[in-house]
Protein backbone atom coordinates (compact mmCIF):
# COMPACT_ATOMS: atom_id res chain seq x y z
CA UNK A 1 -0.40 0.07 0.05
CA UNK A 2 3.07 1.95 0.75
CA UNK A 3 4.43 2.17 -2.18
CA UNK A 4 1.32 2.74 -4.07
CA UNK A 5 0.94 5.12 -2.08
CA UNK A 6 4.19 6.79 -2.86
CA UNK A 7 3.53 6.38 -6.95
CA UNK A 8 0.14 8.35 -6.27
CA UNK A 9 2.79 11.36 -5.10
CA UNK A 10 4.38 10.78 -7.94
CA UNK A 11 2.61 12.50 -11.04
CA UNK A 12 4.72 11.81 -13.85
CA UNK A 13 2.76 8.47 -13.29
CA UNK A 14 -0.24 8.78 -15.34
CA UNK A 15 -3.52 8.46 -13.26
CA UNK A 16 -5.19 6.59 -15.36
CA UNK A 17 -2.98 3.57 -15.69
CA UNK A 18 -2.96 3.55 -11.47
CA UNK A 19 -7.17 4.18 -11.52
CA UNK A 20 -6.63 0.89 -12.82
CA UNK A 21 -3.78 -0.57 -9.37
CA UNK A 22 -6.24 1.34 -7.07
CA UNK A 23 -9.10 -1.09 -8.26
CA UNK A 24 -7.79 -3.90 -7.90
CA UNK A 25 -5.71 -2.61 -4.11
CA UNK A 26 -9.61 -1.34 -3.54
CA UNK A 27 -11.47 -5.25 -3.68
CA UNK A 28 -8.73 -6.71 -2.42
CA UNK A 29 -9.42 -4.38 0.55
CA UNK A 30 -13.52 -5.46 1.01
CA UNK A 31 -14.95 -1.31 -0.30
CA UNK A 32 -16.59 -2.48 -2.98
CA UNK A 33 -18.26 1.28 -2.46
CA UNK A 34 -14.16 3.32 -3.23
CA UNK A 35 -14.20 0.65 -6.46
CA UNK A 36 -16.88 1.11 -8.12
CA UNK A 37 -16.45 5.14 -7.90
CA UNK A 38 -12.94 4.21 -9.16
CA UNK A 39 -14.30 2.15 -12.09
CA UNK A 40 -16.70 5.53 -13.27
CA UNK A 41 -13.57 7.43 -12.67
CA UNK A 42 -12.07 4.95 -15.07
CA UNK A 43 -14.36 3.71 -17.76
CA UNK A 44 -16.13 6.91 -17.86
CA UNK A 45 -19.72 8.38 -15.94
CA UNK A 46 -23.03 7.06 -17.85
CA UNK A 47 -25.58 10.53 -18.59
CA UNK A 48 -28.19 8.82 -16.22
CA UNK A 49 -25.53 8.80 -13.61
CA UNK A 50 -24.86 11.82 -11.23
CA UNK A 51 -21.90 13.89 -11.36
CA UNK A 52 -19.63 14.79 -8.45
CA UNK A 53 -19.28 18.63 -8.01
CA UNK A 54 -15.47 18.66 -9.60
CA UNK A 55 -17.24 17.38 -12.73
CA UNK A 56 -18.85 19.76 -13.20
CA UNK A 57 -16.80 22.98 -14.70
CA UNK A 58 -18.66 26.59 -15.44
CA UNK A 59 -17.88 27.18 -19.09
CA UNK A 60 -18.81 30.08 -21.28
CA UNK A 61 -20.85 29.69 -24.32
CA UNK A 62 -19.53 30.40 -27.86
CA UNK A 63 -21.05 29.81 -31.00
CA UNK A 64 -19.81 29.34 -35.27
CA UNK A 65 -22.13 31.27 -36.93
CA UNK A 66 -23.23 31.91 -40.91
CA UNK A 67 -25.42 33.36 -42.99
CA UNK A 68 -28.11 32.18 -45.04
CA UNK A 69 -25.78 31.39 -47.41
CA UNK A 70 -23.46 29.10 -44.77
CA UNK A 71 -20.46 31.78 -45.13
CA UNK A 72 -19.23 32.16 -42.09
CA UNK A 73 -19.89 35.38 -39.99
CA UNK A 74 -18.28 34.47 -36.88
CA UNK A 75 -15.93 31.89 -35.16
CA UNK A 76 -16.04 30.61 -31.45
CA UNK A 77 -17.96 33.96 -31.07
CA UNK A 78 -19.09 34.82 -26.89
CA UNK A 79 -23.49 33.88 -26.43
CA UNK A 80 -25.08 35.15 -23.98
CA UNK A 81 -28.12 32.47 -23.58
CA UNK A 82 -28.68 33.62 -19.94
CA UNK A 83 -32.73 33.73 -20.98
CA UNK A 84 -32.47 30.80 -22.05
CA UNK A 85 -31.06 29.36 -18.74
CA UNK A 86 -34.42 30.66 -16.98
CA UNK A 87 -36.22 29.29 -18.84
CA UNK A 88 -34.83 25.70 -18.69
CA UNK A 89 -34.79 26.36 -15.07
CA UNK A 90 -30.62 24.94 -16.21
CA UNK A 91 -27.85 26.76 -16.57
CA UNK A 92 -27.06 25.96 -19.88
CA UNK A 93 -23.63 27.62 -18.74
CA UNK A 94 -22.74 24.40 -16.61
CA UNK A 95 -20.31 21.17 -18.82
CA UNK A 96 -21.05 18.79 -17.52
CA UNK A 97 -17.53 16.05 -18.23
CA UNK A 98 -18.36 12.62 -18.12
CA UNK A 99 -15.42 11.36 -20.29
CA UNK A 100 -12.73 8.58 -19.19
CA UNK A 101 -9.47 9.68 -17.16
CA UNK A 102 -7.72 8.39 -19.76
CA UNK A 103 -10.21 10.78 -22.03
CA UNK A 104 -8.82 13.84 -20.62
CA UNK A 105 -5.28 12.56 -19.98
CA UNK A 106 -5.29 12.88 -23.22
CA UNK A 107 -7.06 15.59 -24.74
CA UNK A 108 -5.00 17.51 -22.09
CA UNK A 109 -1.45 16.27 -24.04
CA UNK A 110 -3.10 17.69 -27.28
CA UNK A 111 -4.93 21.29 -26.85
CA UNK A 112 -2.38 23.77 -26.99
CA UNK A 113 -3.92 26.40 -25.54
CA UNK A 114 -5.51 27.45 -22.15
CA UNK A 115 -9.16 26.96 -23.38
CA UNK A 116 -10.27 23.42 -25.05
CA UNK A 117 -14.35 23.66 -26.91
CA UNK A 118 -17.09 21.04 -26.24
CA UNK A 119 -19.64 21.00 -28.36
CA UNK A 120 -23.63 20.61 -26.80
CA UNK A 121 -25.37 18.38 -27.63
CA UNK A 122 -27.51 18.32 -30.52
CA UNK A 123 -30.85 18.74 -29.72
CA UNK A 124 -30.03 21.05 -26.72
CA UNK A 125 -28.77 23.29 -30.55
CA UNK A 126 -31.23 22.67 -31.98
CA UNK A 127 -33.60 24.29 -30.30
CA UNK A 128 -31.22 27.44 -29.80
CA UNK A 129 -30.72 27.70 -33.40
CA UNK A 130 -34.03 27.95 -34.19
CA UNK A 131 -34.65 30.14 -31.33
CA UNK A 132 -31.63 32.41 -32.98
CA UNK A 133 -33.17 32.43 -36.48
CA UNK A 134 -35.85 33.79 -35.64
CA UNK A 135 -34.69 36.88 -34.04
CA UNK A 136 -32.05 36.68 -36.74
CA UNK A 137 -33.22 35.31 -39.61
CA UNK A 138 -30.13 36.59 -41.52
CA UNK A 139 -27.62 34.27 -40.32
CA UNK A 140 -27.78 30.46 -38.35
CA UNK A 141 -26.04 29.14 -35.45
CA UNK A 142 -23.54 26.24 -37.40
CA UNK A 143 -22.05 24.83 -34.59
CA UNK A 144 -22.50 25.89 -30.57
CA UNK A 145 -19.62 24.92 -27.40
CA UNK A 146 -19.00 25.62 -24.16
CA UNK A 147 -15.56 27.22 -24.00
CA UNK A 148 -13.74 25.40 -21.58
CA UNK A 149 -10.14 26.52 -19.47
CA UNK A 150 -7.87 23.28 -19.54
CA UNK A 151 -7.33 24.61 -15.58
CA UNK A 152 -10.77 23.50 -14.94
CA UNK A 153 -10.75 19.77 -16.99
CA UNK A 154 -6.50 19.32 -15.12
CA UNK A 155 -8.85 20.63 -11.18
CA UNK A 156 -10.54 17.11 -12.63
CA UNK A 157 -7.39 15.19 -12.40
CA UNK A 158 -5.65 15.90 -9.40
CA UNK A 159 -9.36 16.00 -7.38
CA UNK A 160 -9.09 12.48 -8.32
CA UNK A 161 -6.33 12.00 -7.66
CA UNK A 162 -6.28 14.20 -4.21
CA UNK A 163 -9.19 11.76 -3.05
CA UNK A 164 -7.17 8.23 -4.21
CA UNK A 165 -4.20 9.69 -1.91
CA UNK A 166 -6.70 10.56 1.13
CA UNK A 167 -9.16 7.12 0.36
CA UNK A 168 -5.81 4.92 0.76
CA UNK A 169 -4.42 6.94 3.04
CA UNK A 170 -7.72 5.44 5.15
CA UNK A 171 -6.17 1.89 4.33
CA UNK A 172 -3.01 2.11 4.87
CA UNK A 173 -3.71 3.12 8.57
CA UNK A 174 -6.88 1.34 8.50
CA UNK A 175 -4.23 -1.83 8.32
CA UNK A 176 -1.94 -1.09 11.22
CA UNK A 177 -4.87 -0.90 13.72
CA UNK A 178 -5.87 -4.20 12.30
CA UNK A 179 -2.03 -5.42 12.28
CA UNK A 180 -2.14 -4.21 15.87
CA UNK A 181 1.97 -3.50 15.72
CA UNK A 182 3.29 -2.02 18.49
CA UNK A 183 5.39 0.93 18.18
CA UNK A 184 7.42 3.19 21.07
CA UNK A 185 4.73 5.57 22.27
CA UNK A 186 6.37 8.62 21.25
CA UNK A 187 5.57 12.18 21.67
CA UNK A 188 2.79 13.43 19.76
CA UNK A 189 4.28 16.63 18.01
CA UNK A 190 1.31 19.00 16.29
CA UNK A 191 2.06 18.35 12.46
CA UNK A 192 1.41 22.02 10.61
CA UNK A 193 3.05 22.45 6.85
CA UNK A 194 2.95 26.01 5.99
CA UNK A 195 1.61 27.25 2.77
CA UNK A 196 2.80 30.09 0.53
CA UNK A 197 3.65 32.45 -2.43
CA UNK A 198 7.19 32.93 -3.05
CA UNK A 199 7.45 37.01 -3.25
CA UNK A 200 10.96 38.79 -2.45
CA UNK A 201 13.87 37.17 -0.13
CA UNK A 202 12.21 39.92 3.06
CA UNK A 203 8.88 38.34 2.71
CA UNK A 204 10.48 34.50 2.22
CA UNK A 205 13.13 34.53 5.14
CA UNK A 206 10.71 36.02 7.27
CA UNK A 207 8.05 32.54 6.22
CA UNK A 208 11.40 30.77 7.36
CA UNK A 209 12.23 32.23 10.37
CA UNK A 210 8.13 31.98 11.53
CA UNK A 211 8.42 28.22 10.51
CA UNK A 212 11.41 27.80 12.68
CA UNK A 213 9.82 29.54 15.69
CA UNK A 214 7.13 27.19 15.24
CA UNK A 215 8.96 24.19 15.61
CA UNK A 216 11.03 26.43 18.97
CA UNK A 217 7.20 25.62 20.59
CA UNK A 218 6.72 22.73 20.08
CA UNK A 219 4.75 21.80 16.97
CA UNK A 220 6.33 19.94 13.43
CA UNK A 221 6.06 23.02 10.64
CA UNK A 222 7.24 22.37 8.11
CA UNK A 223 7.55 24.01 4.35
CA UNK A 224 8.80 23.85 1.13
CA UNK A 225 12.06 24.99 2.00
CA UNK A 226 13.12 22.83 4.46
CA UNK A 227 12.19 19.84 2.57
CA UNK A 228 13.99 20.47 -0.43
CA UNK A 229 16.74 20.82 1.41
CA UNK A 230 16.28 17.15 3.38
CA UNK A 231 15.00 15.33 -0.44
CA UNK A 232 18.46 15.37 -3.29
CA UNK A 233 15.30 16.27 -5.47
CA UNK A 234 11.86 17.09 -4.97
CA UNK A 235 8.86 17.43 -6.17
CA UNK A 236 6.85 20.52 -5.75
CA UNK A 237 3.53 19.52 -6.21
CA UNK A 238 4.30 15.74 -4.68
CA UNK A 239 5.19 18.36 -1.78
CA UNK A 240 1.88 20.46 -1.83
CA UNK A 241 -0.65 17.36 -1.99
CA UNK A 242 1.23 15.31 0.99
CA UNK A 243 1.84 18.39 3.32
CA UNK A 244 -2.23 19.13 3.29
CA UNK A 245 -2.84 15.69 3.72
CA UNK A 246 -0.68 14.70 6.22
CA UNK A 247 -0.66 17.38 8.41
CA UNK A 248 -3.07 18.16 11.23
CA UNK A 249 -3.29 21.96 10.22
CA UNK A 250 -2.14 24.10 7.40
CA UNK A 251 -0.86 27.50 7.93
CA UNK A 252 -1.69 29.92 4.76
CA UNK A 253 0.57 32.96 4.68
CA UNK A 254 -1.90 35.40 2.59
CA UNK A 255 -0.13 38.63 0.68
CA UNK A 256 -0.27 40.80 -1.66
CA UNK A 257 0.59 37.76 -4.01
CA UNK A 258 -0.95 34.95 -2.88
CA UNK A 259 -3.48 36.65 -3.60
CA UNK A 260 -3.60 37.70 -7.74
CA UNK A 261 -2.44 33.12 -7.74
CA UNK A 262 -5.20 31.79 -5.78
CA UNK A 263 -8.03 33.85 -7.61
CA UNK A 264 -7.09 33.58 -11.20
CA UNK A 265 -5.10 29.69 -10.41
CA UNK A 266 -2.30 30.44 -11.63
CA UNK A 267 0.39 27.81 -10.87
CA UNK A 268 1.23 25.69 -7.80
CA UNK A 269 -0.55 28.03 -5.70
CA UNK A 270 -4.44 28.11 -7.88
CA UNK A 271 -3.91 24.41 -8.08
CA UNK A 272 -2.91 24.14 -3.89
CA UNK A 273 -6.32 26.74 -3.50
CA UNK A 274 -8.56 24.66 -5.87
CA UNK A 275 -7.11 21.47 -3.28
CA UNK A 276 -8.00 23.66 -0.17
CA UNK A 277 -11.63 24.72 -1.03
CA UNK A 278 -12.50 21.66 -1.40
CA UNK A 279 -11.44 20.54 1.31
CA UNK A 280 -12.54 23.15 3.60
CA UNK A 281 -15.87 21.86 2.56
CA UNK A 282 -15.15 18.71 5.34
CA UNK A 283 -12.34 20.20 7.30
CA UNK A 284 -12.57 23.89 8.15
CA UNK A 285 -11.26 23.51 10.87
CA UNK A 286 -8.06 23.00 9.90
CA UNK A 287 -6.84 25.98 7.83
CA UNK A 288 -5.41 29.03 9.38
CA UNK A 289 -4.92 31.89 7.57
CA UNK A 290 -2.78 34.30 8.71
CA UNK A 291 -0.67 37.89 7.49
CA UNK A 292 2.49 39.42 8.85
CA UNK A 293 0.20 42.83 9.27
CA UNK A 294 1.60 45.01 7.03
CA UNK A 295 -1.11 44.82 4.60
CA UNK A 296 -4.86 45.29 4.10
CA UNK A 297 -7.03 42.05 4.83
CA UNK A 298 -9.79 43.08 1.34
CA UNK A 299 -5.82 42.76 -0.35
CA UNK A 300 -4.48 40.10 0.23
CA UNK A 301 -7.88 38.44 0.85
CA UNK A 302 -8.14 35.28 -1.92
CA UNK A 303 -12.24 35.79 -3.00
CA UNK A 304 -12.64 32.26 -2.56
CA UNK A 305 -12.31 32.66 1.58
CA UNK A 306 -13.95 36.15 1.97
CA UNK A 307 -15.69 36.54 5.18
CA UNK A 308 -12.89 33.81 6.71
CA UNK A 309 -10.81 34.32 9.94
CA UNK A 310 -7.58 36.04 9.14
CA UNK A 311 -5.54 36.44 12.46
CA UNK A 312 -3.32 39.52 11.97
CA UNK A 313 0.29 37.80 13.46
CA UNK A 314 1.96 41.17 14.29
CA UNK A 315 -0.77 41.95 16.60
CA UNK A 316 -1.28 38.60 17.32
CA UNK A 317 2.19 39.06 18.32
CA UNK A 318 1.95 43.08 20.61
CA UNK A 319 -1.60 42.36 22.08
CA UNK A 320 -1.35 38.42 23.08
CA UNK A 321 1.62 37.04 23.19
CA UNK A 322 0.35 35.01 19.45
CA UNK A 323 -1.97 33.81 21.99
CA UNK A 324 -4.56 33.52 19.59
CA UNK A 325 -2.38 31.78 16.97
CA UNK A 326 -1.77 29.29 19.36
CA UNK A 327 -5.53 28.74 20.23
CA UNK A 328 -5.98 27.87 17.18
CA UNK A 329 -3.31 25.24 17.03
CA UNK A 330 -4.11 23.46 19.31
CA UNK A 331 -8.23 24.53 18.94
CA UNK A 332 -8.72 25.44 22.53
CA UNK A 333 -10.34 28.01 23.94
CA UNK A 334 -8.90 30.55 24.96
CA UNK A 335 -12.45 31.65 27.40
CA UNK A 336 -13.39 29.25 29.72
CA UNK A 337 -16.71 29.53 29.73
CA UNK A 338 -18.37 27.58 32.99
CA UNK A 339 -20.49 24.36 32.85
CA UNK A 340 -24.70 24.71 32.84
CA UNK A 341 -26.26 25.06 36.02
CA UNK A 342 -28.86 21.81 36.54
CA UNK A 343 -30.75 24.48 38.61
CA UNK A 344 -32.69 27.18 36.19
CA UNK A 345 -33.15 30.42 37.29
CA UNK A 346 -36.52 30.11 38.91
CA UNK A 347 -39.34 33.25 37.80
CA UNK A 348 -40.60 35.36 39.97
CA UNK A 349 -44.21 36.30 39.04
CA UNK A 350 -46.38 38.89 39.34
CA UNK A 351 -49.95 38.28 40.94
CA UNK A 352 -52.80 39.39 39.02
CA UNK A 353 -55.71 41.47 41.30
CA UNK A 354 -58.90 40.20 40.90
CA UNK A 355 -60.95 42.61 38.44
CA UNK A 356 -63.15 45.18 40.37
CA UNK A 357 -64.66 48.59 39.49
């Protein structure tokens, strides 16, 4: 199982081939539900089956438009069909991706731009085209597509790989418990992954000092710099996924660079932020967002986490000696409220006098 996890962490290994091995191991482990899910990713989903959210992608509607004589007028022309969406009660900008992982991998290898075109169902095209021709008799819609960002397709692969990693980490834990391996009892440190956007030397130096500060306070904090100097050749994507999955807490250090990359899903920060948003749906307390206190929150907060608490580390240092940060890491309340008393407060009644004129 550990060998297979190592294969999953290495993004050079094709996910479509790993899924075949994953299905065999899941069946061997007796987890039919996981095996069935893996099989859908291998073979693709049927149009009658419900899709997981990560396979529902919002794409821009574009059309190839000809005149009535068949001469091309527009190619990949953006179209607004919001009124049709309202009438149908569905968002026709949403593109369900039923295809197998192998098909997605092969498609991404052949795509040379940042977008891919996915033709709409012929019946939907025919219906929209008829309405369009009534409004514009001199024009016809020849083809209609969803224009899908390749980054959204790549995220499907990332999410499936991440789910596999989490499932097989759980299998590994179950295996360890079942075999009752006796180990020497050691002090359990809180494992904390520190993630951030590379900015400049001054900022990066602060991050390194912060990681070291946490380690001095008894937390098993680590970051890319620490890991990269301990291995001859490190896969940073693997380290990122591993860091998020295997840590008790993930501290995200925000600044303007992180916000820009997260909002636009750029590079490693963009991929990581998608994983964080998805994981926060079930593990919200795992993530702690902080700033070093030099920038306003509205300038550094990614849109996806607006409303989430952000710790101003400079203020916490000056006013609380980092007490708020430590309470979040250890998940301990700062205010110690009393237990609820079994005896409720008795309400004093006011007697109503008899009616008399």
